[in-house]
Amino acid sequence: MNPFSWKAPSGTRGFTLIELLVVVAIIALLAGLLFPVLSAVREHARKVQATSDVKMIVGTVSSYYTEYQKYPVDPVAKPGDAVYSSDNNALFDVLRNVTGTAVGNTLNPRGVVFLTVNAAPNPNMPVAGLSTTGVWYDPWGSPYNIAVDGNSDGLLNSPQPLPGFYSDVGPLQAGAIAWSYGRNGQPGGGPAASTRFSSEAGTPGVFAGSGDVGSW
């Protein structure tokens, strides 16, 4: 017997082209069915992370108030109710006790570290973490928004709506609130703010019915 020769056992055959095409079609169908499920799971995970983050932000502001009996707001830079978004590093520098910044050193003279945040996987294109400038971004790639009762009147979103806030929220009796714009990257539901984001259900500028996440 030639050791280099091989013959398929009698009665067996290979796959036909039609059978291979059927298998490929079944795999494609299963992938199409699984993709929405996986997308929904990823979106749920992002919302869980954002919910945890905004509650932690509010908790650390409350801890700061307990320590200093005031809120971590520079009254000159942010008079009245202070709102932070793309400049939220001004607030987080204080809560993280970042040295070398005049505002941080002035507002946190005891050097207490109220907050620790991980850097984004790619700080130059930040998602879910700190950028190189110290701005904290949500899981979709937008800066977290925070409003702080800088004038200590016990109300937020009063008497006028806060910039970038929602038309159906407020006034709120709170020292601080935090929120995320969700997957469309802008207040409320509706179309995406840019190609970086995805559209979602709801009405632009309206929190109810949108995918946005709030601490309240």
Protein backbone atom coordinates (compact mmCIF):
# COMPACT_ATOMS: atom_id res chain seq x y z
CA MET A 1 0.00 0.00 0.00
CA ASN A 2 1.29 3.44 -0.91
CA PRO A 3 1.63 5.36 2.41
CA PHE A 4 1.15 8.69 0.59
CA SER A 5 -2.17 7.84 -1.01
CA TRP A 6 -5.55 8.25 0.70
CA LYS A 7 -9.04 7.51 -0.46
CA ALA A 8 -12.23 8.63 1.24
CA PRO A 9 -14.15 5.76 2.78
CA SER A 10 -16.77 4.34 0.50
CA GLY A 11 -20.21 5.87 0.93
CA THR A 12 -18.96 9.33 2.05
CA ARG A 13 -18.93 12.59 0.09
CA GLY A 14 -18.01 16.24 0.60
CA PHE A 15 -20.34 19.21 1.03
CA THR A 16 -22.03 20.50 -2.07
CA LEU A 17 -21.99 24.20 -2.94
CA ILE A 18 -25.68 24.52 -2.04
CA GLU A 19 -25.11 22.98 1.38
CA LEU A 20 -22.24 25.39 2.07
CA LEU A 21 -24.39 28.34 1.02
CA VAL A 22 -27.16 27.19 3.34
CA VAL A 23 -24.72 26.99 6.27
CA VAL A 24 -23.39 30.48 5.50
CA ALA A 25 -26.95 31.82 5.29
CA ILE A 26 -27.83 30.29 8.66
CA ILE A 27 -24.73 31.81 10.27
CA ALA A 28 -25.57 35.21 8.78
CA LEU A 29 -29.15 34.94 10.06
CA LEU A 30 -28.00 34.05 13.57
CA ALA A 31 -25.50 36.93 13.55
CA GLY A 32 -28.28 39.30 12.48
CA LEU A 33 -30.47 38.09 15.33
CA LEU A 34 -27.69 38.35 17.92
CA PHE A 35 -26.41 41.82 16.95
CA PRO A 36 -29.41 43.74 18.34
CA VAL A 37 -29.23 41.71 21.54
CA LEU A 38 -25.52 42.43 21.99
CA SER A 39 -26.09 46.13 21.21
CA ALA A 40 -28.83 46.29 23.84
CA VAL A 41 -26.55 44.63 26.39
CA ARG A 42 -23.75 47.11 25.67
CA GLU A 43 -26.18 50.05 25.92
CA HIS A 44 -27.50 48.76 29.24
CA ALA A 45 -23.95 48.44 30.56
CA ARG A 46 -23.21 52.05 29.56
CA LYS A 47 -26.32 53.27 31.35
CA VAL A 48 -25.43 51.34 34.48
CA GLN A 49 -21.94 52.89 34.43
CA ALA A 50 -23.29 56.40 33.82
CA THR A 51 -25.85 56.02 36.63
CA SER A 52 -23.12 54.96 39.01
CA ASP A 53 -20.88 57.84 37.93
CA VAL A 54 -23.46 60.64 38.29
CA LYS A 55 -24.49 59.39 41.73
CA MET A 56 -20.84 59.24 42.78
CA ILE A 57 -20.29 62.80 41.54
CA VAL A 58 -23.21 64.09 43.63
CA GLY A 59 -21.99 62.07 46.61
CA THR A 60 -18.51 63.57 46.45
CA VAL A 61 -19.92 67.11 46.22
CA SER A 62 -21.97 66.33 49.34
CA SER A 63 -18.82 65.04 51.06
CA TYR A 64 -17.06 68.27 50.17
CA TYR A 65 -19.94 70.26 51.67
CA THR A 66 -19.73 68.21 54.86
CA GLU A 67 -16.00 68.96 55.07
CA TYR A 68 -16.08 72.70 54.29
CA GLN A 69 -19.71 73.74 54.88
CA LYS A 70 -19.84 75.20 51.37
CA TYR A 71 -19.85 73.94 47.80
CA PRO A 72 -16.72 73.61 45.62
CA VAL A 73 -17.56 76.57 43.42
CA ASP A 74 -15.39 79.55 42.54
CA PRO A 75 -17.86 82.47 42.98
CA VAL A 76 -15.90 84.62 40.53
CA ALA A 77 -15.66 82.06 37.73
CA LYS A 78 -19.12 80.58 38.41
CA PRO A 79 -21.49 83.06 40.08
CA GLY A 80 -24.86 81.73 41.21
CA ASP A 81 -25.85 78.18 40.30
CA ALA A 82 -22.68 76.76 38.75
CA VAL A 83 -23.03 74.56 35.68
CA TYR A 84 -20.14 72.43 34.39
CA SER A 85 -19.90 70.48 31.14
CA SER A 86 -16.85 70.62 28.88
CA ASP A 87 -15.19 72.52 31.73
CA ASN A 88 -16.05 69.95 34.41
CA ASN A 89 -12.33 69.58 35.10
CA ALA A 90 -12.60 72.85 37.07
CA LEU A 91 -14.84 71.02 39.54
CA PHE A 92 -13.08 67.67 39.45
CA ASP A 93 -9.66 69.27 39.95
CA VAL A 94 -10.95 70.48 43.31
CA LEU A 95 -12.55 67.16 44.27
CA ARG A 96 -9.51 65.18 43.09
CA ASN A 97 -7.12 67.60 44.85
CA VAL A 98 -5.14 68.24 41.71
CA THR A 99 -2.17 70.41 42.67
CA GLY A 100 -0.82 73.22 40.59
CA THR A 101 -4.19 74.87 39.93
CA ALA A 102 -5.02 78.04 41.81
CA VAL A 103 -8.73 77.26 42.04
CA GLY A 104 -8.11 73.74 43.29
CA ASN A 105 -5.67 74.83 45.96
CA THR A 106 -7.92 77.67 47.10
CA LEU A 107 -11.11 75.64 47.30
CA ASN A 108 -9.54 72.54 48.82
CA PRO A 109 -6.90 73.90 51.21
CA ARG A 110 -6.90 70.75 53.36
CA GLY A 111 -5.93 68.65 50.35
CA VAL A 112 -8.73 66.12 50.75
CA VAL A 113 -9.12 63.63 47.90
CA PHE A 114 -12.88 63.30 47.54
CA LEU A 115 -12.85 61.63 44.13
CA THR A 116 -10.70 59.25 42.11
CA VAL A 117 -11.34 58.78 38.38
CA ASN A 118 -9.54 56.49 35.95
CA ALA A 119 -8.07 57.87 32.75
CA ALA A 120 -9.94 57.08 29.54
CA PRO A 121 -8.47 54.19 27.51
CA ASN A 122 -7.53 56.78 24.87
CA PRO A 123 -7.27 60.15 26.70
CA ASN A 124 -6.90 61.99 23.37
CA MET A 125 -10.30 60.70 22.21
CA PRO A 126 -11.88 60.15 25.61
CA VAL A 127 -14.76 57.83 26.38
CA ALA A 128 -15.60 56.67 29.91
CA GLY A 129 -12.81 58.38 31.80
CA LEU A 130 -10.56 61.39 32.16
CA SER A 131 -9.06 63.16 29.16
CA THR A 132 -5.57 64.62 29.17
CA THR A 133 -7.07 67.92 30.37
CA GLY A 134 -8.91 66.31 33.28
CA VAL A 135 -12.40 66.51 31.75
CA TRP A 136 -14.46 63.46 32.74
CA TYR A 137 -16.34 61.88 29.83
CA ASP A 138 -19.32 59.51 30.02
CA PRO A 139 -19.44 56.05 28.38
CA TRP A 140 -20.70 57.56 25.10
CA GLY A 141 -18.02 60.24 24.83
CA SER A 142 -19.72 63.40 26.19
CA PRO A 143 -18.49 65.37 29.22
CA TYR A 144 -20.52 64.76 32.35
CA ASN A 145 -22.76 67.70 33.24
CA ILE A 146 -22.99 68.95 36.81
CA ALA A 147 -24.99 71.73 38.41
CA VAL A 148 -24.04 72.95 41.90
CA ASP A 149 -25.98 75.27 44.20
CA GLY A 150 -23.28 77.92 44.26
CA ASN A 151 -25.47 80.60 45.83
CA SER A 152 -26.71 78.19 48.55
CA ASP A 153 -30.40 79.02 48.09
CA GLY A 154 -31.37 75.34 48.20
CA LEU A 155 -32.60 75.25 44.59
CA LEU A 156 -31.25 74.27 41.20
CA ASN A 157 -32.71 75.28 37.86
CA SER A 158 -34.26 78.35 39.49
CA PRO A 159 -35.47 80.93 38.63
CA GLN A 160 -34.32 80.38 35.00
CA PRO A 161 -33.48 77.05 33.30
CA LEU A 162 -29.83 76.14 33.54
CA PRO A 163 -27.87 76.28 30.27
CA GLY A 164 -28.09 72.94 28.47
CA PHE A 165 -30.66 71.65 30.95
CA TYR A 166 -34.01 70.02 30.20
CA SER A 167 -37.28 71.86 29.71
CA ASP A 168 -39.21 69.34 31.83
CA VAL A 169 -36.94 69.32 34.91
CA GLY A 170 -36.82 71.71 37.84
CA PRO A 171 -36.65 73.53 40.02
CA LEU A 172 -34.94 70.89 42.17
CA GLN A 173 -34.25 71.10 45.87
CA ALA A 174 -30.70 69.82 45.78
CA GLY A 175 -27.16 70.92 46.42
CA ALA A 176 -25.86 69.22 43.30
CA ILE A 177 -27.08 67.14 40.38
CA ALA A 178 -25.24 65.41 37.55
CA TRP A 179 -26.40 64.04 34.23
CA SER A 180 -25.29 62.39 31.00
CA TYR A 181 -26.66 63.10 27.52
CA GLY A 182 -26.70 59.41 26.63
CA ARG A 183 -25.96 57.92 23.26
CA ASN A 184 -27.12 60.86 21.11
CA GLY A 185 -24.69 63.28 22.77
CA GLN A 186 -27.17 66.11 23.40
CA PRO A 187 -30.00 67.00 25.83
CA GLY A 188 -33.06 64.78 25.55
CA GLY A 189 -33.79 62.36 22.76
CA GLY A 190 -33.81 62.71 19.01
CA PRO A 191 -31.02 62.82 16.43
CA ALA A 192 -27.35 62.36 17.15
CA ALA A 193 -25.26 65.43 17.93
CA SER A 194 -22.57 64.25 15.51
CA THR A 195 -21.31 61.15 13.73
CA ARG A 196 -19.67 60.06 17.00
CA PHE A 197 -23.11 59.38 18.48
CA SER A 198 -26.35 57.55 17.62
CA SER A 199 -29.92 58.80 17.48
CA GLU A 200 -32.35 57.71 20.18
CA ALA A 201 -36.02 57.82 21.06
CA GLY A 202 -37.60 60.90 22.59
CA THR A 203 -37.74 64.64 21.94
CA PRO A 204 -34.75 66.98 21.79
CA GLY A 205 -34.37 69.00 24.98
CA VAL A 206 -36.79 66.80 26.93
CA PHE A 207 -35.41 64.41 29.54
CA ALA A 208 -38.53 62.20 29.82
CA GLY A 209 -38.54 59.37 27.31
CA SER A 210 -34.91 59.88 26.31
CA GLY A 211 -31.89 57.71 26.96
CA ASP A 212 -30.24 60.35 29.12
CA VAL A 213 -29.15 59.52 32.67
CA GLY A 214 -29.66 61.79 35.69
CA SER A 215 -28.74 61.58 39.35
CA TRP A 216 -32.15 62.81 40.58
